[in-house]
Amino acid sequence: MPNWRTKEHITMALNLTDQDKLTLRTAAYGAITLLAAAGATAGSPHRIATQGSLALASATGPIGYVLAENGKIANLNGKSVAEIADHVLPALTTAMGLLKEQDPAEADNFRSAVLVAVEAAVRPKKGEPGPVMAEMTRKITGALDAA
């Protein structure tokens, strides 16, 4: 009797090409990179990147498997926040569109995983996130919802 809970079975629920998987990883980890770049103004980009990445690592289901895959993600080292945003925000919209076509529940899972990671990344030690982080969170959410 086959084991229906294998990585291959779970990720086969989605018909994703290697390029599709790269788009999903670029979108999710790119959102954290974008926050870290924007958070440099607050002096805490490493904390932002660490907290966001740890949250993404806790994703489950097919999305969790895709996000856990190793592989270089290109174009996340822009010279400015604007350059990173030009690459990441469209990737978020593309990823959501791709997932909505195949499995709306997994699109919701991806959106939730990214937003939990964003929340973990922008949470300050005390108080509320500053205006820069709040605005970047709004832009990331808008890109996710644009699909």
Protein backbone atom coordinates (compact mmCIF):
# COMPACT_ATOMS: atom_id res chain seq x y z
CA MET A 1 0.00 0.00 0.00
CA PRO A 2 1.53 3.38 -1.00
CA ASN A 3 2.25 6.05 1.58
CA TRP A 4 -0.02 8.93 0.60
CA ARG A 5 1.74 11.35 2.89
CA THR A 6 5.04 11.55 1.03
CA LYS A 7 6.53 14.79 -0.22
CA GLU A 8 5.98 13.69 -3.81
CA HIS A 9 2.31 12.94 -3.23
CA ILE A 10 1.69 16.20 -1.43
CA THR A 11 3.46 18.37 -4.01
CA MET A 12 1.82 16.47 -6.86
CA ALA A 13 -1.49 17.85 -5.62
CA LEU A 14 -0.21 21.00 -7.31
CA ASN A 15 1.14 20.74 -10.83
CA LEU A 16 4.11 23.08 -10.40
CA THR A 17 7.05 23.36 -12.73
CA ASP A 18 10.51 24.16 -11.38
CA GLN A 19 9.96 27.74 -12.57
CA ASP A 20 6.63 27.90 -10.70
CA LYS A 21 8.32 26.71 -7.51
CA LEU A 22 11.05 29.31 -7.97
CA THR A 23 8.37 31.99 -8.38
CA LEU A 24 6.72 30.91 -5.11
CA ARG A 25 10.02 30.91 -3.22
CA THR A 26 11.02 34.24 -4.78
CA ALA A 27 7.71 35.76 -3.74
CA ALA A 28 7.73 34.47 -0.17
CA TYR A 29 11.40 34.97 0.67
CA GLY A 30 11.48 38.12 -1.43
CA ALA A 31 8.77 39.64 0.76
CA ILE A 32 11.02 39.08 3.77
CA THR A 33 14.02 40.47 1.90
CA LEU A 34 11.97 43.54 0.99
CA LEU A 35 10.99 44.05 4.63
CA ALA A 36 14.60 43.63 5.77
CA ALA A 37 15.76 46.21 3.24
CA ALA A 38 13.05 48.62 4.33
CA GLY A 39 13.82 47.82 7.96
CA ALA A 40 17.39 48.98 7.59
CA THR A 41 16.04 52.41 8.49
CA ALA A 42 15.11 50.99 11.90
CA GLY A 43 18.48 49.30 12.27
CA SER A 44 17.18 45.74 12.50
CA PRO A 45 17.36 44.06 9.07
CA HIS A 46 18.96 40.86 10.40
CA ARG A 47 16.25 40.37 13.02
CA ILE A 48 13.58 41.00 10.39
CA ALA A 49 15.13 38.49 7.98
CA THR A 50 15.59 35.86 10.68
CA GLN A 51 12.09 36.12 12.13
CA GLY A 52 10.44 36.14 8.71
CA SER A 53 12.49 33.21 7.40
CA LEU A 54 11.77 31.13 10.50
CA ALA A 55 8.06 31.78 10.06
CA LEU A 56 8.21 30.69 6.39
CA ALA A 57 10.01 27.53 7.46
CA SER A 58 6.94 26.62 9.53
CA ALA A 59 4.63 26.55 6.49
CA THR A 60 2.80 23.26 6.00
CA GLY A 61 1.23 21.29 3.16
CA PRO A 62 2.40 21.52 -0.44
CA ILE A 63 3.39 25.16 0.06
CA GLY A 64 5.56 24.20 3.02
CA TYR A 65 7.39 21.64 0.90
CA VAL A 66 7.96 24.15 -1.90
CA LEU A 67 9.24 26.82 0.48
CA ALA A 68 11.54 24.29 2.17
CA GLU A 69 13.29 23.34 -1.09
CA ASN A 70 16.86 24.46 -1.39
CA GLY A 71 17.93 26.53 -4.32
CA LYS A 72 19.30 29.91 -5.10
CA ILE A 73 16.75 32.67 -5.50
CA ALA A 74 18.07 35.29 -7.91
CA ASN A 75 17.39 39.01 -8.04
CA LEU A 76 16.81 39.61 -4.36
CA ASN A 77 19.95 41.70 -3.90
CA GLY A 78 18.83 44.96 -5.44
CA LYS A 79 20.70 48.20 -4.92
CA SER A 80 17.62 49.81 -3.41
CA VAL A 81 14.31 48.92 -1.81
CA ALA A 82 12.62 50.07 -5.02
CA GLU A 83 14.67 47.66 -7.12
CA ILE A 84 13.83 44.74 -4.83
CA ALA A 85 10.15 45.73 -4.81
CA ASP A 86 10.10 45.81 -8.63
CA HIS A 87 11.00 42.12 -8.58
CA VAL A 88 9.17 40.86 -5.49
CA LEU A 89 5.75 42.52 -5.66
CA PRO A 90 4.94 41.15 -9.15
CA ALA A 91 6.21 37.72 -8.03
CA LEU A 92 3.72 37.77 -5.16
CA THR A 93 0.86 38.53 -7.55
CA THR A 94 2.05 35.91 -10.05
CA ALA A 95 2.39 33.26 -7.33
CA MET A 96 -1.14 33.90 -6.08
CA GLY A 97 -2.57 33.76 -9.61
CA LEU A 98 -0.76 30.51 -10.31
CA LEU A 99 -2.03 28.91 -7.11
CA LYS A 100 -5.60 30.19 -7.49
CA GLU A 101 -5.80 28.50 -10.89
CA GLN A 102 -4.71 25.14 -9.49
CA ASP A 103 -5.96 25.03 -5.92
CA PRO A 104 -7.63 27.99 -4.20
CA ALA A 105 -7.04 26.39 -0.79
CA GLU A 106 -3.29 26.31 -1.44
CA ALA A 107 -3.45 29.91 -2.61
CA ASP A 108 -4.98 30.75 0.77
CA ASN A 109 -2.28 28.67 2.49
CA PHE A 110 0.46 30.57 0.62
CA ARG A 111 -1.11 33.94 1.40
CA SER A 112 -1.41 33.01 5.06
CA ALA A 113 2.19 31.74 5.23
CA VAL A 114 3.52 34.95 3.71
CA LEU A 115 1.40 37.20 5.95
CA VAL A 116 2.38 35.29 9.10
CA ALA A 117 6.03 35.66 8.09
CA VAL A 118 5.52 39.37 7.43
CA GLU A 119 3.86 39.80 10.81
CA ALA A 120 6.69 37.92 12.54
CA ALA A 121 9.27 39.99 10.68
CA VAL A 122 7.83 43.42 11.41
CA ARG A 123 6.88 42.83 15.04
CA PRO A 124 9.05 45.17 17.08
CA LYS A 125 10.34 44.24 20.51
CA LYS A 126 7.84 46.71 21.93
CA GLY A 127 5.27 49.08 20.52
CA GLU A 128 3.83 49.07 17.02
CA PRO A 129 5.67 48.72 13.71
CA GLY A 130 6.85 52.06 12.38
CA PRO A 131 5.32 53.77 9.36
CA VAL A 132 7.92 52.39 6.92
CA MET A 133 7.21 48.80 7.91
CA ALA A 134 3.46 49.37 7.99
CA GLU A 135 3.55 50.77 4.45
CA MET A 136 5.69 47.90 3.14
CA THR A 137 3.30 45.41 4.75
CA ARG A 138 0.42 47.16 2.99
CA LYS A 139 2.22 46.88 -0.36
CA ILE A 140 2.95 43.18 0.16
CA THR A 141 -0.66 42.49 1.12
CA GLY A 142 -1.83 44.47 -1.91
CA ALA A 143 0.38 42.42 -4.23
CA LEU A 144 -0.97 39.18 -2.76
CA ASP A 145 -4.54 40.37 -3.22
CA ALA A 146 -4.03 41.71 -6.76
CA ALA A 147 -4.27 38.26 -8.37
